[in-house]
């Protein structure tokens, strides 16, 4: 399903809403959480994402940023989501601060899978109703229900 990110978040992370006040701080939080989940080094994740950020902004507009990178020693694409209480500057195309940040890391050799995952995240976060619901969600569990509705239905059954 185009609006379900369970495949990326089942082994990934959704963080509680945060008051991080800079792009660097938001990326550090996500890198640390993904490192703990994947057993990769947080600094390696952060450095790879920052290297990609230097190539061009991952702020896609409407308050959304999708920082991403390819990482050695990773088996499949994995995501991490963070909602910020106040938006931070991601040099977004519309110049708006970003408060919805989805970090995607993928294996180095996963060209097509990486692009499919990016497209899936983009399709999901492009929807105004999803962005609005995410901004109103008060905790990780509420965010998970929005981003992973298929998993929520399966666990309720």
N, C-alpha and C. Protein backbone atom coordinates (compact mmCIF):
# COMPACT_ATOMS: atom_id res chain seq x y z
N UNK A 1 0.86 -1.19 0.00
CA UNK A 1 0.00 0.00 0.00
C UNK A 1 0.89 1.24 0.00
N UNK A 2 0.56 2.19 -0.82
CA UNK A 2 1.40 3.38 -1.01
C UNK A 2 1.52 4.23 0.25
N UNK A 3 0.53 4.18 1.12
CA UNK A 3 0.59 5.03 2.30
C UNK A 3 0.92 4.25 3.57
N UNK A 4 1.50 3.08 3.41
CA UNK A 4 1.88 2.29 4.56
C UNK A 4 3.39 2.10 4.56
N UNK A 5 4.04 2.50 5.63
CA UNK A 5 5.50 2.43 5.70
C UNK A 5 5.98 1.33 6.64
N UNK A 6 5.12 0.35 6.90
CA UNK A 6 5.48 -0.75 7.79
C UNK A 6 6.75 -1.44 7.34
N UNK A 7 6.90 -1.65 6.03
CA UNK A 7 8.08 -2.38 5.55
C UNK A 7 9.37 -1.65 5.91
N UNK A 8 9.33 -0.34 6.02
CA UNK A 8 10.52 0.44 6.38
C UNK A 8 10.66 0.67 7.88
N UNK A 9 9.54 0.64 8.58
CA UNK A 9 9.58 0.97 10.01
C UNK A 9 9.50 -0.23 10.93
N UNK A 10 9.20 -1.43 10.40
CA UNK A 10 9.11 -2.62 11.24
C UNK A 10 10.43 -2.87 11.96
N UNK A 11 11.54 -2.69 11.24
CA UNK A 11 12.86 -2.86 11.85
C UNK A 11 13.51 -1.51 12.13
N UNK A 12 12.79 -0.43 11.84
CA UNK A 12 13.29 0.92 12.04
C UNK A 12 12.79 1.50 13.34
N UNK A 13 12.68 2.82 13.38
CA UNK A 13 12.30 3.49 14.63
C UNK A 13 11.33 4.63 14.36
N UNK A 14 10.47 4.85 15.33
CA UNK A 14 9.64 6.05 15.38
C UNK A 14 9.92 6.65 16.75
N UNK A 15 10.43 7.86 16.74
CA UNK A 15 10.78 8.51 18.00
C UNK A 15 9.60 9.33 18.51
N UNK A 16 9.59 9.52 19.81
CA UNK A 16 8.59 10.41 20.42
C UNK A 16 8.83 11.82 19.88
N UNK A 17 7.78 12.65 19.79
CA UNK A 17 7.98 14.04 19.35
C UNK A 17 9.09 14.70 20.15
N UNK A 18 9.89 15.50 19.47
CA UNK A 18 11.11 16.06 20.07
C UNK A 18 11.18 17.57 19.92
N UNK A 19 11.94 18.18 20.81
CA UNK A 19 12.17 19.61 20.74
C UNK A 19 13.52 19.93 20.14
N UNK A 20 14.10 19.01 19.37
CA UNK A 20 15.38 19.29 18.70
C UNK A 20 15.25 20.62 17.97
N UNK A 21 16.31 21.44 18.05
CA UNK A 21 16.19 22.78 17.49
C UNK A 21 17.12 23.06 16.31
N UNK A 22 17.65 21.99 15.70
CA UNK A 22 18.47 22.18 14.51
C UNK A 22 18.44 20.91 13.65
N UNK A 23 18.80 21.05 12.40
CA UNK A 23 18.87 19.91 11.50
C UNK A 23 19.87 18.89 12.06
N UNK A 24 21.03 19.38 12.50
CA UNK A 24 22.07 18.50 13.02
C UNK A 24 21.56 17.71 14.22
N UNK A 25 20.86 18.37 15.12
CA UNK A 25 20.34 17.69 16.30
C UNK A 25 19.29 16.64 15.92
N UNK A 26 18.40 16.96 14.99
CA UNK A 26 17.39 16.00 14.53
C UNK A 26 18.05 14.79 13.88
N UNK A 27 19.04 15.03 13.02
CA UNK A 27 19.73 13.93 12.35
C UNK A 27 20.54 13.09 13.34
N UNK A 28 21.08 13.72 14.37
CA UNK A 28 21.81 12.99 15.40
C UNK A 28 20.86 12.05 16.15
N UNK A 29 19.69 12.54 16.54
CA UNK A 29 18.72 11.71 17.25
C UNK A 29 18.32 10.50 16.42
N UNK A 30 18.02 10.73 15.14
CA UNK A 30 17.63 9.63 14.26
C UNK A 30 18.79 8.66 14.02
N UNK A 31 19.99 9.19 13.82
CA UNK A 31 21.16 8.33 13.60
C UNK A 31 21.42 7.44 14.81
N UNK A 32 21.32 8.00 15.99
CA UNK A 32 21.55 7.22 17.22
C UNK A 32 20.49 6.13 17.38
N UNK A 33 19.24 6.47 17.12
CA UNK A 33 18.17 5.49 17.26
C UNK A 33 18.29 4.37 16.22
N UNK A 34 18.61 4.73 15.00
CA UNK A 34 18.78 3.71 13.96
C UNK A 34 20.02 2.86 14.23
N UNK A 35 21.05 3.45 14.76
CA UNK A 35 22.26 2.69 15.10
C UNK A 35 21.95 1.66 16.18
N UNK A 36 21.20 2.05 17.18
CA UNK A 36 20.85 1.13 18.26
C UNK A 36 20.03 -0.04 17.71
N UNK A 37 19.18 0.24 16.75
CA UNK A 37 18.31 -0.79 16.17
C UNK A 37 19.06 -1.71 15.22
N UNK A 38 20.00 -1.17 14.45
CA UNK A 38 20.68 -1.93 13.40
C UNK A 38 22.05 -2.45 13.81
N UNK A 39 22.54 -2.01 14.95
CA UNK A 39 23.89 -2.35 15.43
C UNK A 39 24.99 -1.73 14.56
N UNK A 40 24.64 -0.70 13.80
CA UNK A 40 25.62 0.05 13.03
C UNK A 40 26.15 1.18 13.91
N UNK A 41 27.18 1.85 13.46
CA UNK A 41 27.74 2.96 14.21
C UNK A 41 26.95 4.24 13.92
N UNK A 42 26.51 4.92 14.97
CA UNK A 42 25.71 6.14 14.81
C UNK A 42 26.46 7.19 14.01
N UNK A 43 27.76 7.30 14.25
CA UNK A 43 28.55 8.31 13.53
C UNK A 43 28.62 8.00 12.03
N UNK A 44 28.70 6.71 11.68
CA UNK A 44 28.72 6.32 10.27
C UNK A 44 27.41 6.71 9.59
N UNK A 45 26.30 6.48 10.27
CA UNK A 45 24.99 6.84 9.71
C UNK A 45 24.91 8.36 9.56
N UNK A 46 25.23 9.08 10.63
CA UNK A 46 25.17 10.54 10.60
C UNK A 46 26.05 11.11 9.49
N UNK A 47 27.29 10.63 9.40
CA UNK A 47 28.22 11.15 8.38
C UNK A 47 27.70 10.88 6.96
N UNK A 48 27.16 9.70 6.73
CA UNK A 48 26.63 9.37 5.39
C UNK A 48 25.45 10.27 5.04
N UNK A 49 24.57 10.50 6.01
CA UNK A 49 23.41 11.36 5.76
C UNK A 49 23.86 12.80 5.54
N UNK A 50 24.81 13.27 6.34
CA UNK A 50 25.30 14.64 6.16
C UNK A 50 26.01 14.81 4.81
N UNK A 51 26.73 13.78 4.38
CA UNK A 51 27.37 13.84 3.07
C UNK A 51 26.31 14.00 1.98
N UNK A 52 25.21 13.26 2.10
CA UNK A 52 24.11 13.39 1.13
C UNK A 52 23.47 14.77 1.24
N UNK A 53 23.32 15.30 2.44
CA UNK A 53 22.73 16.63 2.63
C UNK A 53 23.57 17.70 1.92
N UNK A 54 24.87 17.53 1.90
CA UNK A 54 25.74 18.51 1.25
C UNK A 54 25.55 18.52 -0.27
N UNK A 55 25.07 17.42 -0.82
CA UNK A 55 24.81 17.35 -2.28
C UNK A 55 23.57 18.13 -2.68
N UNK A 56 22.65 18.30 -1.75
CA UNK A 56 21.41 19.02 -2.02
C UNK A 56 20.42 18.76 -0.91
N UNK A 57 19.54 19.69 -0.73
CA UNK A 57 18.57 19.61 0.35
C UNK A 57 17.66 18.40 0.23
N UNK A 58 17.36 17.81 1.37
CA UNK A 58 16.37 16.75 1.41
C UNK A 58 15.05 17.27 1.99
N UNK A 59 14.97 18.59 2.14
CA UNK A 59 13.72 19.23 2.55
C UNK A 59 12.83 19.33 1.31
N UNK A 60 11.79 18.50 1.27
CA UNK A 60 10.99 18.38 0.05
C UNK A 60 9.79 19.32 0.00
N UNK A 61 9.58 20.08 1.07
CA UNK A 61 8.48 21.04 1.09
C UNK A 61 7.37 20.62 2.03
N UNK A 62 6.49 21.57 2.34
CA UNK A 62 5.35 21.34 3.23
C UNK A 62 5.77 20.87 4.62
N UNK A 63 6.98 21.24 5.04
CA UNK A 63 7.45 20.89 6.37
C UNK A 63 8.04 19.49 6.47
N UNK A 64 8.32 18.86 5.32
CA UNK A 64 8.81 17.48 5.29
C UNK A 64 10.26 17.44 4.82
N UNK A 65 11.07 16.64 5.51
CA UNK A 65 12.44 16.36 5.08
C UNK A 65 12.61 14.85 5.03
N UNK A 66 13.32 14.37 4.01
CA UNK A 66 13.57 12.94 3.86
C UNK A 66 15.08 12.73 3.68
N UNK A 67 15.84 12.94 4.74
CA UNK A 67 17.29 12.69 4.65
C UNK A 67 17.53 11.21 4.42
N UNK A 68 18.51 10.90 3.58
CA UNK A 68 18.75 9.50 3.26
C UNK A 68 20.21 9.28 2.87
N UNK A 69 20.62 8.02 2.95
CA UNK A 69 21.99 7.66 2.59
C UNK A 69 22.07 6.15 2.40
N UNK A 70 23.14 5.76 1.74
CA UNK A 70 23.43 4.33 1.60
C UNK A 70 24.57 4.01 2.56
N UNK A 71 24.42 2.86 3.23
CA UNK A 71 25.32 2.48 4.31
C UNK A 71 25.82 1.04 4.08
N UNK A 72 27.10 0.82 4.32
CA UNK A 72 27.65 -0.54 4.30
C UNK A 72 27.05 -1.36 5.45
N UNK A 73 27.08 -2.66 5.30
CA UNK A 73 26.67 -3.61 6.35
C UNK A 73 25.19 -3.52 6.71
N UNK A 74 24.38 -3.11 5.77
CA UNK A 74 22.93 -3.05 6.00
C UNK A 74 22.28 -4.00 5.01
N UNK A 75 21.30 -4.77 5.46
CA UNK A 75 20.70 -5.80 4.61
C UNK A 75 19.57 -5.26 3.72
N UNK A 76 18.82 -4.28 4.22
CA UNK A 76 17.67 -3.76 3.47
C UNK A 76 17.37 -2.34 3.90
N UNK A 77 16.60 -1.60 3.12
CA UNK A 77 16.25 -0.23 3.53
C UNK A 77 15.49 -0.22 4.86
N UNK A 78 15.83 0.74 5.70
CA UNK A 78 15.21 0.90 7.02
C UNK A 78 14.97 2.38 7.25
N UNK A 79 13.87 2.69 7.91
CA UNK A 79 13.53 4.08 8.15
C UNK A 79 13.44 4.45 9.61
N UNK A 80 13.51 5.74 9.83
CA UNK A 80 13.31 6.31 11.15
C UNK A 80 12.51 7.60 11.00
N UNK A 81 11.55 7.81 11.88
CA UNK A 81 10.70 9.00 11.80
C UNK A 81 10.79 9.81 13.08
N UNK A 82 10.83 11.11 12.91
CA UNK A 82 10.86 12.04 14.03
C UNK A 82 9.98 13.24 13.71
N UNK A 83 9.05 13.55 14.63
CA UNK A 83 8.28 14.78 14.50
C UNK A 83 8.85 15.79 15.47
N UNK A 84 9.15 16.96 14.95
CA UNK A 84 9.71 18.02 15.78
C UNK A 84 8.59 18.94 16.25
N UNK A 85 8.71 19.40 17.48
CA UNK A 85 7.71 20.31 18.03
C UNK A 85 7.72 21.65 17.30
N UNK A 86 8.89 22.06 16.83
CA UNK A 86 9.03 23.26 16.01
C UNK A 86 9.90 22.89 14.81
N UNK A 87 9.57 23.41 13.66
CA UNK A 87 10.34 23.09 12.47
C UNK A 87 11.75 23.65 12.52
N UNK A 88 12.66 22.98 11.82
CA UNK A 88 14.05 23.42 11.71
C UNK A 88 14.39 23.59 10.23
N UNK A 89 15.45 24.34 9.98
CA UNK A 89 15.85 24.64 8.61
C UNK A 89 16.53 23.44 7.96
N UNK A 90 15.93 22.95 6.88
CA UNK A 90 16.52 21.88 6.06
C UNK A 90 16.79 22.39 4.66
N UNK A 91 16.82 23.73 4.47
CA UNK A 91 16.97 24.30 3.13
C UNK A 91 15.93 23.72 2.18
N UNK A 92 14.70 23.64 2.65
CA UNK A 92 13.62 23.04 1.86
C UNK A 92 13.34 23.85 0.60
N UNK A 93 12.81 23.16 -0.40
CA UNK A 93 12.53 23.80 -1.68
C UNK A 93 11.54 24.96 -1.54
N UNK A 94 10.62 24.87 -0.57
CA UNK A 94 9.65 25.95 -0.36
C UNK A 94 10.09 26.91 0.75
N UNK A 95 11.31 26.72 1.24
CA UNK A 95 11.92 27.56 2.27
C UNK A 95 11.21 27.50 3.63
N UNK A 96 10.30 26.54 3.80
CA UNK A 96 9.63 26.37 5.08
C UNK A 96 10.47 25.50 6.00
N UNK A 97 10.42 25.73 7.31
CA UNK A 97 11.09 24.83 8.25
C UNK A 97 10.42 23.45 8.21
N UNK A 98 11.19 22.43 8.52
CA UNK A 98 10.69 21.05 8.47
C UNK A 98 10.45 20.53 9.89
N UNK A 99 9.28 19.97 10.10
CA UNK A 99 8.96 19.38 11.40
C UNK A 99 8.67 17.89 11.29
N UNK A 100 8.56 17.35 10.08
CA UNK A 100 8.34 15.93 9.86
C UNK A 100 9.57 15.39 9.14
N UNK A 101 10.36 14.57 9.83
CA UNK A 101 11.64 14.11 9.30
C UNK A 101 11.64 12.58 9.23
N UNK A 102 11.78 12.07 8.02
CA UNK A 102 11.86 10.62 7.82
C UNK A 102 13.24 10.31 7.27
N UNK A 103 14.07 9.65 8.09
CA UNK A 103 15.42 9.27 7.65
C UNK A 103 15.37 7.87 7.07
N UNK A 104 15.94 7.72 5.90
CA UNK A 104 15.99 6.43 5.23
C UNK A 104 17.44 6.04 5.01
N UNK A 105 17.81 4.85 5.47
CA UNK A 105 19.13 4.32 5.17
C UNK A 105 18.93 3.01 4.41
N UNK A 106 19.81 2.77 3.46
CA UNK A 106 19.68 1.60 2.60
C UNK A 106 21.07 1.03 2.31
N UNK A 107 21.12 -0.24 1.92
CA UNK A 107 22.41 -0.84 1.59
C UNK A 107 23.07 -0.12 0.42
N UNK A 108 24.39 -0.14 0.38
CA UNK A 108 25.15 0.53 -0.67
C UNK A 108 24.72 0.06 -2.05
N UNK A 109 24.50 -1.23 -2.26
CA UNK A 109 24.17 -1.74 -3.59
C UNK A 109 22.70 -1.81 -3.91
N UNK A 110 21.88 -1.04 -3.23
CA UNK A 110 20.42 -1.18 -3.38
C UNK A 110 19.80 -0.06 -4.20
N UNK A 111 20.35 0.22 -5.36
CA UNK A 111 19.86 1.33 -6.17
C UNK A 111 18.36 1.38 -6.34
N UNK A 112 17.77 0.33 -6.91
CA UNK A 112 16.33 0.33 -7.19
C UNK A 112 15.51 0.27 -5.90
N UNK A 113 15.93 -0.56 -4.95
CA UNK A 113 15.19 -0.65 -3.68
C UNK A 113 15.22 0.68 -2.93
N UNK A 114 16.37 1.35 -2.97
CA UNK A 114 16.51 2.64 -2.31
C UNK A 114 15.56 3.66 -2.95
N UNK A 115 15.51 3.69 -4.26
CA UNK A 115 14.63 4.64 -4.95
C UNK A 115 13.16 4.32 -4.71
N UNK A 116 12.80 3.03 -4.70
CA UNK A 116 11.41 2.64 -4.40
C UNK A 116 11.02 3.07 -2.99
N UNK A 117 11.92 2.87 -2.05
CA UNK A 117 11.64 3.26 -0.66
C UNK A 117 11.47 4.78 -0.55
N UNK A 118 12.35 5.53 -1.20
CA UNK A 118 12.22 7.00 -1.20
C UNK A 118 10.88 7.42 -1.78
N UNK A 119 10.49 6.80 -2.89
CA UNK A 119 9.22 7.14 -3.54
C UNK A 119 8.05 6.82 -2.61
N UNK A 120 8.12 5.69 -1.92
CA UNK A 120 7.06 5.30 -1.00
C UNK A 120 6.92 6.32 0.13
N UNK A 121 8.03 6.73 0.70
CA UNK A 121 8.00 7.73 1.78
C UNK A 121 7.45 9.05 1.24
N UNK A 122 7.92 9.45 0.08
CA UNK A 122 7.47 10.71 -0.51
C UNK A 122 5.97 10.69 -0.79
N UNK A 123 5.48 9.60 -1.37
CA UNK A 123 4.03 9.49 -1.66
C UNK A 123 3.21 9.61 -0.38
N UNK A 124 3.69 8.97 0.67
CA UNK A 124 2.97 8.99 1.94
C UNK A 124 2.95 10.40 2.54
N UNK A 125 4.12 11.01 2.63
CA UNK A 125 4.22 12.31 3.31
C UNK A 125 3.76 13.48 2.43
N UNK A 126 3.47 13.22 1.18
CA UNK A 126 2.94 14.26 0.30
C UNK A 126 1.45 14.50 0.57
N UNK A 127 0.82 13.56 1.26
CA UNK A 127 -0.63 13.65 1.49
C UNK A 127 -0.94 14.59 2.66
N UNK A 128 -1.70 15.66 2.39
CA UNK A 128 -1.99 16.65 3.44
C UNK A 128 -2.65 16.05 4.68
N UNK A 129 -3.55 15.08 4.49
CA UNK A 129 -4.24 14.49 5.64
C UNK A 129 -3.28 13.71 6.54
N UNK A 130 -2.29 13.08 5.95
CA UNK A 130 -1.30 12.34 6.74
C UNK A 130 -0.39 13.32 7.48
N UNK A 131 0.06 14.36 6.79
CA UNK A 131 0.90 15.36 7.47
C UNK A 131 0.15 15.98 8.64
N UNK A 132 -1.10 16.32 8.43
CA UNK A 132 -1.90 16.94 9.50
C UNK A 132 -2.07 15.99 10.67
N UNK A 133 -2.35 14.73 10.39
CA UNK A 133 -2.52 13.73 11.47
C UNK A 133 -1.21 13.55 12.24
N UNK A 134 -0.08 13.50 11.52
CA UNK A 134 1.21 13.36 12.19
C UNK A 134 1.50 14.54 13.11
N UNK A 135 1.12 15.72 12.68
CA UNK A 135 1.37 16.92 13.50
C UNK A 135 0.50 16.95 14.74
N UNK A 136 -0.63 16.26 14.70
CA UNK A 136 -1.52 16.21 15.86
C UNK A 136 -1.21 15.04 16.79
N UNK A 137 -0.50 14.04 16.29
CA UNK A 137 -0.21 12.83 17.07
C UNK A 137 0.62 13.20 18.29
N UNK A 138 0.25 12.65 19.41
CA UNK A 138 0.90 13.04 20.66
C UNK A 138 2.04 12.13 21.09
N UNK A 139 2.14 10.92 20.50
CA UNK A 139 3.19 10.00 20.94
C UNK A 139 3.55 9.03 19.83
N UNK A 140 4.54 8.20 20.11
CA UNK A 140 5.04 7.23 19.14
C UNK A 140 3.95 6.28 18.68
N UNK A 141 3.11 5.82 19.58
CA UNK A 141 2.06 4.87 19.23
C UNK A 141 1.06 5.49 18.24
N UNK A 142 0.68 6.73 18.46
CA UNK A 142 -0.25 7.40 17.55
C UNK A 142 0.40 7.61 16.18
N UNK A 143 1.68 7.96 16.18
CA UNK A 143 2.40 8.14 14.91
C UNK A 143 2.48 6.81 14.17
N UNK A 144 2.76 5.73 14.88
CA UNK A 144 2.85 4.41 14.25
C UNK A 144 1.53 4.02 13.58
N UNK A 145 0.41 4.32 14.20
CA UNK A 145 -0.90 4.00 13.60
C UNK A 145 -1.10 4.75 12.29
N UNK A 146 -0.57 5.95 12.20
CA UNK A 146 -0.71 6.75 10.98
C UNK A 146 0.21 6.23 9.88
N UNK A 147 1.47 5.98 10.21
CA UNK A 147 2.45 5.58 9.21
C UNK A 147 2.41 4.09 8.87
N UNK A 148 1.89 3.28 9.77
CA UNK A 148 1.87 1.83 9.58
C UNK A 148 0.46 1.27 9.79
N UNK A 149 -0.54 1.74 9.02
CA UNK A 149 -1.91 1.30 9.26
C UNK A 149 -2.12 -0.20 9.05
N UNK A 150 -1.38 -0.81 8.13
CA UNK A 150 -1.53 -2.25 7.91
C UNK A 150 -1.08 -3.04 9.14
N UNK A 151 0.02 -2.64 9.73
CA UNK A 151 0.51 -3.30 10.94
C UNK A 151 -0.46 -3.09 12.09
N UNK A 152 -1.05 -1.90 12.17
CA UNK A 152 -2.03 -1.62 13.24
C UNK A 152 -3.26 -2.50 13.09
N UNK A 153 -3.72 -2.68 11.84
CA UNK A 153 -4.88 -3.56 11.59
C UNK A 153 -4.55 -5.00 11.95
N UNK A 154 -3.37 -5.46 11.59
CA UNK A 154 -2.96 -6.84 11.86
C UNK A 154 -2.87 -7.11 13.35
N UNK A 155 -2.35 -6.15 14.12
CA UNK A 155 -2.20 -6.37 15.56
C UNK A 155 -3.54 -6.26 16.28
N UNK A 156 -4.51 -5.56 15.68
CA UNK A 156 -5.83 -5.43 16.29
C UNK A 156 -6.68 -6.68 16.02
N UNK A 157 -6.32 -7.41 14.99
CA UNK A 157 -7.12 -8.60 14.62
C UNK A 157 -6.85 -9.77 15.53
